[in-house]
Amino acid sequence: MSDQADRAATELVEGVVKQLSALSRQLCPAQRDLEHLAKIIAKREADASRVSKEDFDELTSEHDKLKHQIVELKEVHKSKQEKIEELSAQN
């Protein structure tokens, strides 16, 4: 009886080992595929985050124009503020 139980246990273990081996063979290509897809996604994210030199130059130029407009508006505001103070002092 113990011989029969040993054989059954051995067959069961061998069956499990075969199933695990088959699963391992299936998982290895799937893991490689996932790693490959992860690399593709990382590359696409890096490409998407890059700004072309032309776009960067255009944005820099626009930024400089806006800074210049801010300076001009501050000067106009200061001038008007002085005018208001002058008129207030006269009244």
PDB file of N, CA and C in Angstrom:
ATOM      1  N   MET A   1       0.815  -1.177   0.000  1.00  0.00           N
ATOM      2  CA  MET A   1       0.000   0.000   0.000  1.00  0.00           C
ATOM      3  C   MET A   1       0.863   1.246   0.000  1.00  0.00           C
ATOM      4  N   SER A   2       1.926   1.239   0.794  1.00  0.00           N
ATOM      5  CA  SER A   2       2.779   2.417   0.820  1.00  0.00           C
ATOM      6  C   SER A   2       3.508   2.588  -0.498  1.00  0.00           C
ATOM      7  N   ASP A   3       3.792   1.482  -1.170  1.00  0.00           N
ATOM      8  CA  ASP A   3       4.408   1.555  -2.497  1.00  0.00           C
ATOM      9  C   ASP A   3       3.469   2.250  -3.481  1.00  0.00           C
ATOM     10  N   GLN A   4       2.212   1.881  -3.393  1.00  0.00           N
ATOM     11  CA  GLN A   4       1.213   2.474  -4.273  1.00  0.00           C
ATOM     12  C   GLN A   4       1.033   3.956  -3.942  1.00  0.00           C
ATOM     13  N   ALA A   5       1.049   4.315  -2.674  1.00  0.00           N
ATOM     14  CA  ALA A   5       0.910   5.709  -2.249  1.00  0.00           C
ATOM     15  C   ALA A   5       2.127   6.513  -2.685  1.00  0.00           C
ATOM     16  N   ASP A   6       3.303   5.909  -2.551  1.00  0.00           N
ATOM     17  CA  ASP A   6       4.531   6.582  -2.988  1.00  0.00           C
ATOM     18  C   ASP A   6       4.493   6.855  -4.489  1.00  0.00           C
ATOM     19  N   ARG A   7       4.042   5.827  -5.265  1.00  0.00           N
ATOM     20  CA  ARG A   7       3.952   6.002  -6.705  1.00  0.00           C
ATOM     21  C   ARG A   7       2.951   7.099  -7.063  1.00  0.00           C
ATOM     22  N   ALA A   8       1.834   7.108  -6.384  1.00  0.00           N
ATOM     23  CA  ALA A   8       0.803   8.119  -6.657  1.00  0.00           C
ATOM     24  C   ALA A   8       1.329   9.511  -6.319  1.00  0.00           C
ATOM     25  N   ALA A   9       2.029   9.602  -5.197  1.00  0.00           N
ATOM     26  CA  ALA A   9       2.592  10.896  -4.796  1.00  0.00           C
ATOM     27  C   ALA A   9       3.653  11.345  -5.793  1.00  0.00           C
ATOM     28  N   THR A  10       4.473  10.407  -6.238  1.00  0.00           N
ATOM     29  CA  THR A  10       5.519  10.724  -7.213  1.00  0.00           C
ATOM     30  C   THR A  10       4.898  11.191  -8.523  1.00  0.00           C
ATOM     31  N   GLU A  11       3.853  10.484  -8.969  1.00  0.00           N
ATOM     32  CA  GLU A  11       3.174  10.880 -10.201  1.00  0.00           C
ATOM     33  C   GLU A  11       2.545  12.266 -10.059  1.00  0.00           C
ATOM     34  N   LEU A  12       1.975  12.505  -8.892  1.00  0.00           N
ATOM     35  CA  LEU A  12       1.356  13.810  -8.639  1.00  0.00           C
ATOM     36  C   LEU A  12       2.404  14.916  -8.687  1.00  0.00           C
ATOM     37  N   VAL A  13       3.533  14.683  -8.028  1.00  0.00           N
ATOM     38  CA  VAL A  13       4.613  15.672  -8.018  1.00  0.00           C
ATOM     39  C   VAL A  13       5.158  15.866  -9.428  1.00  0.00           C
ATOM     40  N   GLU A  14       5.346  14.789 -10.172  1.00  0.00           N
ATOM     41  CA  GLU A  14       5.842  14.904 -11.542  1.00  0.00           C
ATOM     42  C   GLU A  14       4.862  15.689 -12.412  1.00  0.00           C
ATOM     43  N   GLY A  15       3.568  15.448 -12.206  1.00  0.00           N
ATOM     44  CA  GLY A  15       2.551  16.190 -12.958  1.00  0.00           C
ATOM     45  C   GLY A  15       2.603  17.676 -12.647  1.00  0.00           C
ATOM     46  N   VAL A  16       2.765  17.986 -11.367  1.00  0.00           N
ATOM     47  CA  VAL A  16       2.852  19.394 -10.958  1.00  0.00           C
ATOM     48  C   VAL A  16       4.102  20.036 -11.547  1.00  0.00           C
ATOM     49  N   VAL A  17       5.219  19.325 -11.526  1.00  0.00           N
ATOM     50  CA  VAL A  17       6.472  19.845 -12.084  1.00  0.00           C
ATOM     51  C   VAL A  17       6.310  20.109 -13.579  1.00  0.00           C
ATOM     52  N   LYS A  18       5.653  19.185 -14.292  1.00  0.00           N
ATOM     53  CA  LYS A  18       5.431  19.380 -15.730  1.00  0.00           C
ATOM     54  C   LYS A  18       4.560  20.611 -15.982  1.00  0.00           C
ATOM     55  N   GLN A  19       3.512  20.763 -15.170  1.00  0.00           N
ATOM     56  CA  GLN A  19       2.631  21.924 -15.333  1.00  0.00           C
ATOM     57  C   GLN A  19       3.382  23.221 -15.050  1.00  0.00           C
ATOM     58  N   LEU A  20       4.206  23.195 -14.001  1.00  0.00           N
ATOM     59  CA  LEU A  20       4.989  24.390 -13.675  1.00  0.00           C
ATOM     60  C   LEU A  20       5.995  24.704 -14.777  1.00  0.00           C
ATOM     61  N   SER A  21       6.604  23.683 -15.337  1.00  0.00           N
ATOM     62  CA  SER A  21       7.555  23.897 -16.433  1.00  0.00           C
ATOM     63  C   SER A  21       6.848  24.499 -17.640  1.00  0.00           C
ATOM     64  N   ALA A  22       5.660  23.978 -17.949  1.00  0.00           N
ATOM     65  CA  ALA A  22       4.899  24.511 -19.083  1.00  0.00           C
ATOM     66  C   ALA A  22       4.515  25.967 -18.830  1.00  0.00           C
ATOM     67  N   LEU A  23       4.070  26.264 -17.618  1.00  0.00           N
ATOM     68  CA  LEU A  23       3.721  27.647 -17.273  1.00  0.00           C
ATOM     69  C   LEU A  23       4.937  28.556 -17.365  1.00  0.00           C
ATOM     70  N   SER A  24       6.075  28.065 -16.907  1.00  0.00           N
ATOM     71  CA  SER A  24       7.310  28.852 -16.963  1.00  0.00           C
ATOM     72  C   SER A  24       7.682  29.170 -18.405  1.00  0.00           C
ATOM     73  N   ARG A  25       7.552  28.170 -19.288  1.00  0.00           N
ATOM     74  CA  ARG A  25       7.860  28.406 -20.706  1.00  0.00           C
ATOM     75  C   ARG A  25       6.902  29.434 -21.306  1.00  0.00           C
ATOM     76  N   GLN A  26       5.665  29.441 -20.858  1.00  0.00           N
ATOM     77  CA  GLN A  26       4.694  30.412 -21.363  1.00  0.00           C
ATOM     78  C   GLN A  26       4.962  31.805 -20.798  1.00  0.00           C
ATOM     79  N   LEU A  27       5.387  31.857 -19.544  1.00  0.00           N
ATOM     80  CA  LEU A  27       5.595  33.148 -18.888  1.00  0.00           C
ATOM     81  C   LEU A  27       6.852  33.857 -19.370  1.00  0.00           C
ATOM     82  N   CYS A  28       7.894  33.119 -19.697  1.00  0.00           N
ATOM     83  CA  CYS A  28       9.141  33.757 -20.142  1.00  0.00           C
ATOM     84  C   CYS A  28       8.933  34.633 -21.379  1.00  0.00           C
ATOM     85  N   PRO A  29       8.293  34.138 -22.439  1.00  0.00           N
ATOM     86  CA  PRO A  29       8.046  35.025 -23.588  1.00  0.00           C
ATOM     87  C   PRO A  29       7.125  36.192 -23.226  1.00  0.00           C
ATOM     88  N   ALA A  30       6.140  35.914 -22.373  1.00  0.00           N
ATOM     89  CA  ALA A  30       5.231  36.988 -21.969  1.00  0.00           C
ATOM     90  C   ALA A  30       5.994  38.063 -21.201  1.00  0.00           C
ATOM     91  N   GLN A  31       6.924  37.649 -20.342  1.00  0.00           N
ATOM     92  CA  GLN A  31       7.722  38.613 -19.589  1.00  0.00           C
ATOM     93  C   GLN A  31       8.603  39.424 -20.533  1.00  0.00           C
ATOM     94  N   ARG A  32       9.199  38.770 -21.519  1.00  0.00           N
ATOM     95  CA  ARG A  32      10.016  39.493 -22.505  1.00  0.00           C
ATOM     96  C   ARG A  32       9.153  40.489 -23.271  1.00  0.00           C
ATOM     97  N   ASP A  33       7.945  40.054 -23.640  1.00  0.00           N
ATOM     98  CA  ASP A  33       7.033  40.959 -24.351  1.00  0.00           C
ATOM     99  C   ASP A  33       6.699  42.174 -23.492  1.00  0.00           C
ATOM    100  N   LEU A  34       6.432  41.935 -22.206  1.00  0.00           N
ATOM    101  CA  LEU A  34       6.108  43.047 -21.304  1.00  0.00           C
ATOM    102  C   LEU A  34       7.291  43.996 -21.142  1.00  0.00           C
ATOM    103  N   GLU A  35       8.484  43.445 -21.009  1.00  0.00           N
ATOM    104  CA  GLU A  35       9.676  44.287 -20.890  1.00  0.00           C
ATOM    105  C   GLU A  35       9.881  45.105 -22.162  1.00  0.00           C
ATOM    106  N   HIS A  36       9.645  44.485 -23.319  1.00  0.00           N
ATOM    107  CA  HIS A  36       9.774  45.190 -24.598  1.00  0.00           C
ATOM    108  C   HIS A  36       8.742  46.316 -24.685  1.00  0.00           C
ATOM    109  N   LEU A  37       7.507  46.021 -24.301  1.00  0.00           N
ATOM    110  CA  LEU A  37       6.461  47.054 -24.321  1.00  0.00           C
ATOM    111  C   LEU A  37       6.787  48.192 -23.354  1.00  0.00           C
ATOM    112  N   ALA A  38       7.345  47.853 -22.190  1.00  0.00           N
ATOM    113  CA  ALA A  38       7.717  48.889 -21.222  1.00  0.00           C
ATOM    114  C   ALA A  38       8.783  49.810 -21.810  1.00  0.00           C
ATOM    115  N   LYS A  39       9.740  49.241 -22.543  1.00  0.00           N
ATOM    116  CA  LYS A  39      10.778  50.062 -23.181  1.00  0.00           C
ATOM    117  C   LYS A  39      10.173  50.966 -24.249  1.00  0.00           C
ATOM    118  N   ILE A  40       9.240  50.421 -25.037  1.00  0.00           N
ATOM    119  CA  ILE A  40       8.588  51.226 -26.080  1.00  0.00           C
ATOM    120  C   ILE A  40       7.821  52.382 -25.450  1.00  0.00           C
ATOM    121  N   ILE A  41       7.087  52.091 -24.382  1.00  0.00           N
ATOM    122  CA  ILE A  41       6.309  53.136 -23.706  1.00  0.00           C
ATOM    123  C   ILE A  41       7.233  54.201 -23.140  1.00  0.00           C
ATOM    124  N   ALA A  42       8.326  53.794 -22.504  1.00  0.00           N
ATOM    125  CA  ALA A  42       9.272  54.761 -21.935  1.00  0.00           C
ATOM    126  C   ALA A  42       9.860  55.644 -23.029  1.00  0.00           C
ATOM    127  N   LYS A  43      10.193  55.055 -24.177  1.00  0.00           N
ATOM    128  CA  LYS A  43      10.752  55.838 -25.283  1.00  0.00           C
ATOM    129  C   LYS A  43       9.724  56.832 -25.810  1.00  0.00           C
ATOM    130  N   ARG A  44       8.499  56.385 -25.959  1.00  0.00           N
ATOM    131  CA  ARG A  44       7.453  57.287 -26.465  1.00  0.00           C
ATOM    132  C   ARG A  44       7.176  58.421 -25.488  1.00  0.00           C
ATOM    133  N   GLU A  45       7.196  58.119 -24.188  1.00  0.00           N
ATOM    134  CA  GLU A  45       7.006  59.177 -23.195  1.00  0.00           C
ATOM    135  C   GLU A  45       8.146  60.184 -23.271  1.00  0.00           C
ATOM    136  N   ALA A  46       9.373  59.696 -23.434  1.00  0.00           N
ATOM    137  CA  ALA A  46      10.526  60.598 -23.545  1.00  0.00           C
ATOM    138  C   ALA A  46      10.414  61.444 -24.803  1.00  0.00           C
ATOM    139  N   ASP A  47      10.009  60.823 -25.913  1.00  0.00           N
ATOM    140  CA  ASP A  47       9.843  61.574 -27.161  1.00  0.00           C
ATOM    141  C   ASP A  47       8.757  62.633 -27.022  1.00  0.00           C
ATOM    142  N   ALA A  48       7.676  62.282 -26.348  1.00  0.00           N
ATOM    143  CA  ALA A  48       6.558  63.216 -26.198  1.00  0.00           C
ATOM    144  C   ALA A  48       6.925  64.395 -25.306  1.00  0.00           C
ATOM    145  N   SER A  49       7.860  64.180 -24.377  1.00  0.00           N
ATOM    146  CA  SER A  49       8.210  65.258 -23.452  1.00  0.00           C
ATOM    147  C   SER A  49       9.224  66.230 -24.044  1.00  0.00           C
ATOM    148  N   ARG A  50       9.819  65.861 -25.163  1.00  0.00           N
ATOM    149  CA  ARG A  50      10.800  66.750 -25.791  1.00  0.00           C
ATOM    150  C   ARG A  50      10.096  67.865 -26.542  1.00  0.00           C
ATOM    151  N   VAL A  51      10.699  69.024 -26.497  1.00  0.00           N
ATOM    152  CA  VAL A  51      10.186  70.166 -27.250  1.00  0.00           C
ATOM    153  C   VAL A  51      11.198  70.464 -28.352  1.00  0.00           C
ATOM    154  N   SER A  52      10.701  70.697 -29.546  1.00  0.00           N
ATOM    155  CA  SER A  52      11.623  70.983 -30.645  1.00  0.00           C
ATOM    156  C   SER A  52      12.311  72.322 -30.401  1.00  0.00           C
ATOM    157  N   LYS A  53      13.475  72.506 -31.003  1.00  0.00           N
ATOM    158  CA  LYS A  53      14.232  73.755 -30.848  1.00  0.00           C
ATOM    159  C   LYS A  53      13.405  74.927 -31.341  1.00  0.00           C
ATOM    160  N   GLU A  54      12.679  74.737 -32.458  1.00  0.00           N
ATOM    161  CA  GLU A  54      11.858  75.823 -33.002  1.00  0.00           C
ATOM    162  C   GLU A  54      10.760  76.216 -32.017  1.00  0.00           C
ATOM    163  N   ASP A  55      10.098  75.210 -31.436  1.00  0.00           N
ATOM    164  CA  ASP A  55       9.050  75.501 -30.461  1.00  0.00           C
ATOM    165  C   ASP A  55       9.635  76.207 -29.240  1.00  0.00           C
ATOM    166  N   PHE A  56      10.805  75.738 -28.791  1.00  0.00           N
ATOM    167  CA  PHE A  56      11.439  76.352 -27.633  1.00  0.00           C
ATOM    168  C   PHE A  56      11.799  77.808 -27.924  1.00  0.00           C
ATOM    169  N   ASP A  57      12.382  78.053 -29.099  1.00  0.00           N
ATOM    170  CA  ASP A  57      12.748  79.422 -29.474  1.00  0.00           C
ATOM    171  C   ASP A  57      11.515  80.315 -29.566  1.00  0.00           C
ATOM    172  N   GLU A  58      10.439  79.769 -30.123  1.00  0.00           N
ATOM    173  CA  GLU A  58       9.202  80.546 -30.242  1.00  0.00           C
ATOM    174  C   GLU A  58       8.638  80.885 -28.861  1.00  0.00           C
ATOM    175  N   LEU A  59       8.646  79.903 -27.973  1.00  0.00           N
ATOM    176  CA  LEU A  59       8.150  80.146 -26.616  1.00  0.00           C
ATOM    177  C   LEU A  59       9.032  81.147 -25.873  1.00  0.00           C
ATOM    178  N   THR A  60      10.332  81.051 -26.060  1.00  0.00           N
ATOM    179  CA  THR A  60      11.250  81.989 -25.423  1.00  0.00           C
ATOM    180  C   THR A  60      11.017  83.400 -25.933  1.00  0.00           C
ATOM    181  N   SER A  61      10.831  83.539 -27.229  1.00  0.00           N
ATOM    182  CA  SER A  61      10.564  84.846 -27.825  1.00  0.00           C
ATOM    183  C   SER A  61       9.259  85.424 -27.282  1.00  0.00           C
ATOM    184  N   GLU A  62       8.234  84.593 -27.218  1.00  0.00           N
ATOM    185  CA  GLU A  62       6.933  85.040 -26.688  1.00  0.00           C
ATOM    186  C   GLU A  62       7.075  85.447 -25.223  1.00  0.00           C
ATOM    187  N   HIS A  63       7.852  84.696 -24.473  1.00  0.00           N
ATOM    188  CA  HIS A  63       8.085  85.010 -23.063  1.00  0.00           C
ATOM    189  C   HIS A  63       8.778  86.366 -22.924  1.00  0.00           C
ATOM    190  N   ASP A  64       9.786  86.602 -23.754  1.00  0.00           N
ATOM    191  CA  ASP A  64      10.500  87.882 -23.718  1.00  0.00           C
ATOM    192  C   ASP A  64       9.569  89.044 -24.052  1.00  0.00           C
ATOM    193  N   LYS A  65       8.700  88.856 -25.045  1.00  0.00           N
ATOM    194  CA  LYS A  65       7.740  89.906 -25.406  1.00  0.00           C
ATOM    195  C   LYS A  65       6.802  90.209 -24.242  1.00  0.00           C
ATOM    196  N   LEU A  66       6.340  89.153 -23.586  1.00  0.00           N
ATOM    197  CA  LEU A  66       5.435  89.348 -22.453  1.00  0.00           C
ATOM    198  C   LEU A  66       6.136  90.057 -21.295  1.00  0.00           C
ATOM    199  N   LYS A  67       7.397  89.703 -21.051  1.00  0.00           N
ATOM    200  CA  LYS A  67       8.144  90.400 -19.994  1.00  0.00           C
ATOM    201  C   LYS A  67       8.267  91.882 -20.322  1.00  0.00           C
ATOM    202  N   HIS A  68       8.538  92.191 -21.588  1.00  0.00           N
ATOM    203  CA  HIS A  68       8.664  93.585 -22.019  1.00  0.00           C
ATOM    204  C   HIS A  68       7.330  94.317 -21.836  1.00  0.00           C
ATOM    205  N   GLN A  69       6.228  93.664 -22.179  1.00  0.00           N
ATOM    206  CA  GLN A  69       4.912  94.281 -22.004  1.00  0.00           C
ATOM    207  C   GLN A  69       4.611  94.535 -20.531  1.00  0.00           C
ATOM    208  N   ILE A  70       5.036  93.622 -19.680  1.00  0.00           N
ATOM    209  CA  ILE A  70       4.823  93.806 -18.239  1.00  0.00           C
ATOM    210  C   ILE A  70       5.578  95.032 -17.750  1.00  0.00           C
ATOM    211  N   VAL A  71       6.819  95.189 -18.191  1.00  0.00           N
ATOM    212  CA  VAL A  71       7.616  96.356 -17.800  1.00  0.00           C
ATOM    213  C   VAL A  71       6.924  97.632 -18.264  1.00  0.00           C
ATOM    214  N   GLU A  72       6.441  97.636 -19.511  1.00  0.00           N
ATOM    215  CA  GLU A  72       5.750  98.818 -20.037  1.00  0.00           C
ATOM    216  C   GLU A  72       4.484  99.114 -19.237  1.00  0.00           C
ATOM    217  N   LEU A  73       3.723  98.088 -18.914  1.00  0.00           N
ATOM    218  CA  LEU A  73       2.497  98.288 -18.139  1.00  0.00           C
ATOM    219  C   LEU A  73       2.800  98.812 -16.736  1.00  0.00           C
ATOM    220  N   LYS A  74       3.880  98.334 -16.144  1.00  0.00           N
ATOM    221  CA  LYS A  74       4.269  98.852 -14.827  1.00  0.00           C
ATOM    222  C   LYS A  74       4.620 100.330 -14.908  1.00  0.00           C
ATOM    223  N   GLU A  75       5.317 100.719 -15.983  1.00  0.00           N
ATOM    224  CA  GLU A  75       5.672 102.131 -16.160  1.00  0.00           C
ATOM    225  C   GLU A  75       4.424 102.983 -16.352  1.00  0.00           C
ATOM    226  N   VAL A  76       3.473 102.494 -17.157  1.00  0.00           N
ATOM    227  CA  VAL A  76       2.217 103.224 -17.368  1.00  0.00           C
ATOM    228  C   VAL A  76       1.461 103.330 -16.051  1.00  0.00           C
ATOM    229  N   HIS A  77       1.410 102.246 -15.310  1.00  0.00           N
ATOM    230  CA  HIS A  77       0.719 102.254 -14.025  1.00  0.00           C
ATOM    231  C   HIS A  77       1.371 103.255 -13.063  1.00  0.00           C
ATOM    232  N   LYS A  78       2.692 103.251 -13.026  1.00  0.00           N
ATOM    233  CA  LYS A  78       3.412 104.175 -12.146  1.00  0.00           C
ATOM    234  C   LYS A  78       3.127 105.615 -12.555  1.00  0.00           C
ATOM    235  N   SER A  79       3.139 105.870 -13.857  1.00  0.00           N
ATOM    236  CA  SER A  79       2.863 107.214 -14.366  1.00  0.00           C
ATOM    237  C   SER A  79       1.455 107.657 -13.979  1.00  0.00           C
ATOM    238  N   LYS A  80       0.488 106.780 -14.146  1.00  0.00           N
ATOM    239  CA  LYS A  80      -0.898 107.123 -13.802  1.00  0.00           C
ATOM    240  C   LYS A  80      -1.050 107.307 -12.298  1.00  0.00           C
ATOM    241  N   GLN A  81      -0.350 106.487 -11.537  1.00  0.00           N
ATOM    242  CA  GLN A  81      -0.407 106.614 -10.081  1.00  0.00           C
ATOM    243  C   GLN A  81       0.153 107.973  -9.648  1.00  0.00           C
ATOM    244  N   GLU A  82       1.260 108.397 -10.269  1.00  0.00           N
ATOM    245  CA  GLU A  82       1.835 109.710  -9.955  1.00  0.00           C
ATOM    246  C   GLU A  82       0.865 110.823 -10.336  1.00  0.00           C
ATOM    247  N   LYS A  83       0.201 110.678 -11.476  1.00  0.00           N
ATOM    248  CA  LYS A  83      -0.770 111.681 -11.930  1.00  0.00           C
ATOM    249  C   LYS A  83      -1.932 111.772 -10.937  1.00  0.00           C
ATOM    250  N   ILE A  84      -2.402 110.612 -10.463  1.00  0.00           N
ATOM    251  CA  ILE A  84      -3.499 110.596  -9.479  1.00  0.00           C
ATOM    252  C   ILE A  84      -3.067 111.289  -8.198  1.00  0.00           C
ATOM    253  N   GLU A  85      -1.850 110.992  -7.736  1.00  0.00           N
ATOM    254  CA  GLU A  85      -1.351 111.628  -6.516  1.00  0.00           C
ATOM    255  C   GLU A  85      -1.221 113.135  -6.709  1.00  0.00           C
ATOM    256  N   GLU A  86      -0.771 113.551  -7.879  1.00  0.00           N
ATOM    257  CA  GLU A  86      -0.620 114.972  -8.192  1.00  0.00           C
ATOM    258  C   GLU A  86      -1.981 115.663  -8.178  1.00  0.00           C
ATOM    259  N   LEU A  87      -2.979 115.049  -8.801  1.00  0.00           N
ATOM    260  CA  LEU A  87      -4.324 115.635  -8.829  1.00  0.00           C
ATOM    261  C   LEU A  87      -4.946 115.642  -7.436  1.00  0.00           C
ATOM    262  N   SER A  88      -4.669 114.605  -6.659  1.00  0.00           N
ATOM    263  CA  SER A  88      -5.201 114.554  -5.295  1.00  0.00           C
ATOM    264  C   SER A  88      -4.582 115.653  -4.439  1.00  0.00           C
ATOM    265  N   ALA A  89      -3.305 115.929  -4.648  1.00  0.00           N
ATOM    266  CA  ALA A  89      -2.618 116.967  -3.871  1.00  0.00           C
ATOM    267  C   ALA A  89      -3.156 118.347  -4.226  1.00  0.00           C
ATOM    268  N   GLN A  90      -3.594 118.537  -5.475  1.00  0.00           N
ATOM    269  CA  GLN A  90      -4.128 119.833  -5.897  1.00  0.00           C
ATOM    270  C   GLN A  90      -5.503 120.080  -5.287  1.00  0.00           C
ATOM    271  N   ASN A  91      -6.253 119.043  -5.007  1.00  0.00           N
ATOM    272  CA  ASN A  91      -7.608 119.208  -4.457  1.00  0.00           C
ATOM    273  C   ASN A  91      -7.519 119.320  -3.001  1.00  0.00           C
TER     274      ASN A  91
END
